[in-house]
Amino acid sequence: VLAPKVDPAADGAALVWAWPASGAVIERFSDTNRGIDIGGKPGQAVLASADGRVVYSGSAIRGYGRMLIVKHNDQYVSVYAHAAELLVKEGQPVSRGQRIADMGSTDADRVKLHFEIRRMGRPIDPLRYLPGEGAS
């Protein structure tokens, strides 16, 4: 089965992005934070922010705890870090809104989801792509 072609000039806005968790944004994107942090409760649902395929599921990257990386197309990946439990495996396709992890505090000082969107390997501010003003 052939995957649909992705226009290499397409912006991430062409993907349909959704909030990966409900809760307040407790830390915004900055020079020292490559994504956003969303506060929550232990075990709270972490959802795939857009359709894609899991390309990493594990805890080998220091500072991120248990984390997932989902590849959405040739340009974009999303990162979900500090999970209590990872519910999907490498190679598995995921759909926007699908529960992929449980929120936790692995390798963090509090329960939160650290969420990144990367374009061509570079972190970009997720708030530019997520709908509305905040997590619902």
Protein backbone atom coordinates (compact mmCIF):
# COMPACT_ATOMS: atom_id res chain seq x y z
CA VAL A 1 0.00 0.00 0.00
CA LEU A 2 1.41 3.38 -0.97
CA ALA A 3 1.26 6.22 1.51
CA PRO A 4 -0.28 9.44 0.23
CA LYS A 5 2.27 11.92 -1.09
CA VAL A 6 3.03 14.85 1.14
CA ASP A 7 3.82 18.19 -0.44
CA PRO A 8 7.32 19.00 0.87
CA ALA A 9 6.41 22.69 0.88
CA ALA A 10 3.30 22.05 2.99
CA ASP A 11 3.17 23.74 6.36
CA GLY A 12 2.33 21.84 9.54
CA ALA A 13 -0.91 23.79 9.59
CA ALA A 14 -1.99 21.48 6.74
CA LEU A 15 -2.01 18.65 9.28
CA VAL A 16 -5.02 18.55 11.58
CA TRP A 17 -3.56 19.07 15.07
CA ALA A 18 -5.39 18.50 18.37
CA TRP A 19 -4.42 19.08 21.99
CA PRO A 20 -2.52 16.05 23.36
CA ALA A 21 -3.99 16.42 26.86
CA SER A 22 -6.41 18.52 28.84
CA GLY A 23 -4.99 20.88 31.44
CA ALA A 24 -3.22 24.18 31.86
CA VAL A 25 -0.07 25.05 29.94
CA ILE A 26 2.37 25.36 32.86
CA GLU A 27 5.44 26.15 30.77
CA ARG A 28 5.55 27.67 27.31
CA PHE A 29 7.98 27.19 24.44
CA SER A 30 11.27 29.05 25.00
CA ASP A 31 15.01 28.84 24.43
CA THR A 32 15.22 26.47 27.41
CA ASN A 33 11.96 24.53 26.81
CA ARG A 34 11.69 22.96 23.36
CA GLY A 35 7.95 22.45 23.66
CA ILE A 36 5.11 23.12 26.07
CA ASP A 37 4.35 21.49 29.40
CA ILE A 38 0.73 20.67 30.25
CA GLY A 39 -0.06 19.99 33.90
CA GLY A 40 -2.31 17.09 34.82
CA LYS A 41 -3.09 14.18 37.10
CA PRO A 42 -1.35 10.78 37.31
CA GLY A 43 -2.77 8.42 34.70
CA GLN A 44 -4.56 11.15 32.76
CA ALA A 45 -4.96 10.41 29.04
CA VAL A 46 -2.25 11.54 26.62
CA LEU A 47 -3.62 11.65 23.07
CA ALA A 48 -1.97 11.60 19.64
CA SER A 49 -2.01 15.20 18.43
CA ALA A 50 -2.23 14.22 14.73
CA ASP A 51 -2.35 11.06 12.63
CA GLY A 52 0.99 9.31 12.21
CA ARG A 53 3.20 6.36 13.10
CA VAL A 54 5.14 5.75 16.32
CA VAL A 55 8.87 5.90 15.57
CA TYR A 56 10.11 5.78 19.18
CA SER A 57 8.63 4.31 22.36
CA GLY A 58 10.93 4.06 25.36
CA SER A 59 12.95 5.75 28.08
CA ALA A 60 16.52 5.87 26.75
CA ILE A 61 16.65 9.64 26.14
CA ARG A 62 17.79 11.38 29.32
CA GLY A 63 15.57 14.15 30.65
CA TYR A 64 12.41 12.94 28.93
CA GLY A 65 11.44 9.92 31.04
CA ARG A 66 9.12 7.51 29.25
CA MET A 67 8.39 9.09 25.89
CA LEU A 68 6.90 8.60 22.46
CA ILE A 69 7.82 10.15 19.13
CA VAL A 70 5.18 10.10 16.38
CA LYS A 71 6.13 10.84 12.76
CA HIS A 72 3.33 12.60 10.91
CA ASN A 73 4.90 13.11 7.48
CA ASP A 74 8.32 13.79 5.96
CA GLN A 75 8.63 17.06 7.88
CA TYR A 76 6.81 16.78 11.21
CA VAL A 77 7.11 14.70 14.36
CA SER A 78 5.54 15.17 17.77
CA VAL A 79 7.09 14.23 21.12
CA TYR A 80 5.21 13.16 24.28
CA ALA A 81 7.40 12.92 27.41
CA HIS A 82 7.30 12.02 31.14
CA ALA A 83 4.57 9.37 30.70
CA ALA A 84 3.69 6.96 33.49
CA GLU A 85 2.88 4.31 30.90
CA LEU A 86 3.31 4.04 27.13
CA LEU A 87 0.33 2.40 25.41
CA VAL A 88 1.66 2.10 21.84
CA LYS A 89 4.73 0.46 20.29
CA GLU A 90 7.24 1.50 17.65
CA GLY A 91 5.86 1.03 14.14
CA GLN A 92 2.24 1.30 15.25
CA PRO A 93 -0.03 3.73 13.36
CA VAL A 94 -1.96 6.18 15.55
CA SER A 95 -4.92 8.45 14.89
CA ARG A 96 -5.46 11.99 16.11
CA GLY A 97 -7.22 11.77 19.49
CA GLN A 98 -6.14 8.16 20.18
CA ARG A 99 -4.96 7.49 23.74
CA ILE A 100 -1.24 6.71 23.41
CA ALA A 101 0.07 7.11 26.97
CA ASP A 102 -0.85 7.86 30.57
CA MET A 103 0.44 11.11 32.04
CA GLY A 104 3.13 10.78 34.69
CA SER A 105 6.26 12.29 36.17
CA THR A 106 9.08 10.04 34.93
CA ASP A 107 12.30 12.09 34.91
CA ALA A 108 10.30 15.20 35.95
CA ASP A 109 9.56 17.11 39.16
CA ARG A 110 5.77 16.92 38.78
CA VAL A 111 3.03 15.19 36.80
CA LYS A 112 2.95 16.75 33.34
CA LEU A 113 3.08 16.13 29.64
CA HIS A 114 6.03 17.69 27.84
CA PHE A 115 4.84 18.06 24.24
CA GLU A 116 6.95 19.08 21.25
CA ILE A 117 6.34 19.56 17.56
CA ARG A 118 9.47 19.36 15.43
CA ARG A 119 9.74 20.40 11.79
CA MET A 120 12.70 18.94 9.93
CA GLY A 121 14.20 18.06 13.32
CA ARG A 122 13.90 21.58 14.77
CA PRO A 123 11.56 22.36 17.67
CA ILE A 124 8.78 24.84 16.91
CA ASP A 125 6.18 26.38 19.21
CA PRO A 126 3.24 23.94 19.42
CA LEU A 127 0.88 26.79 20.32
CA ARG A 128 1.23 27.99 16.71
CA TYR A 129 -0.40 24.75 15.53
CA LEU A 130 -2.82 23.69 18.27
CA PRO A 131 -6.41 24.94 18.02
CA GLY A 132 -7.77 27.68 20.28
CA GLU A 133 -6.23 29.32 23.30
CA GLY A 134 -5.60 26.31 25.52
CA ALA A 135 -6.14 22.66 26.26
CA SER A 136 -9.77 21.78 26.75
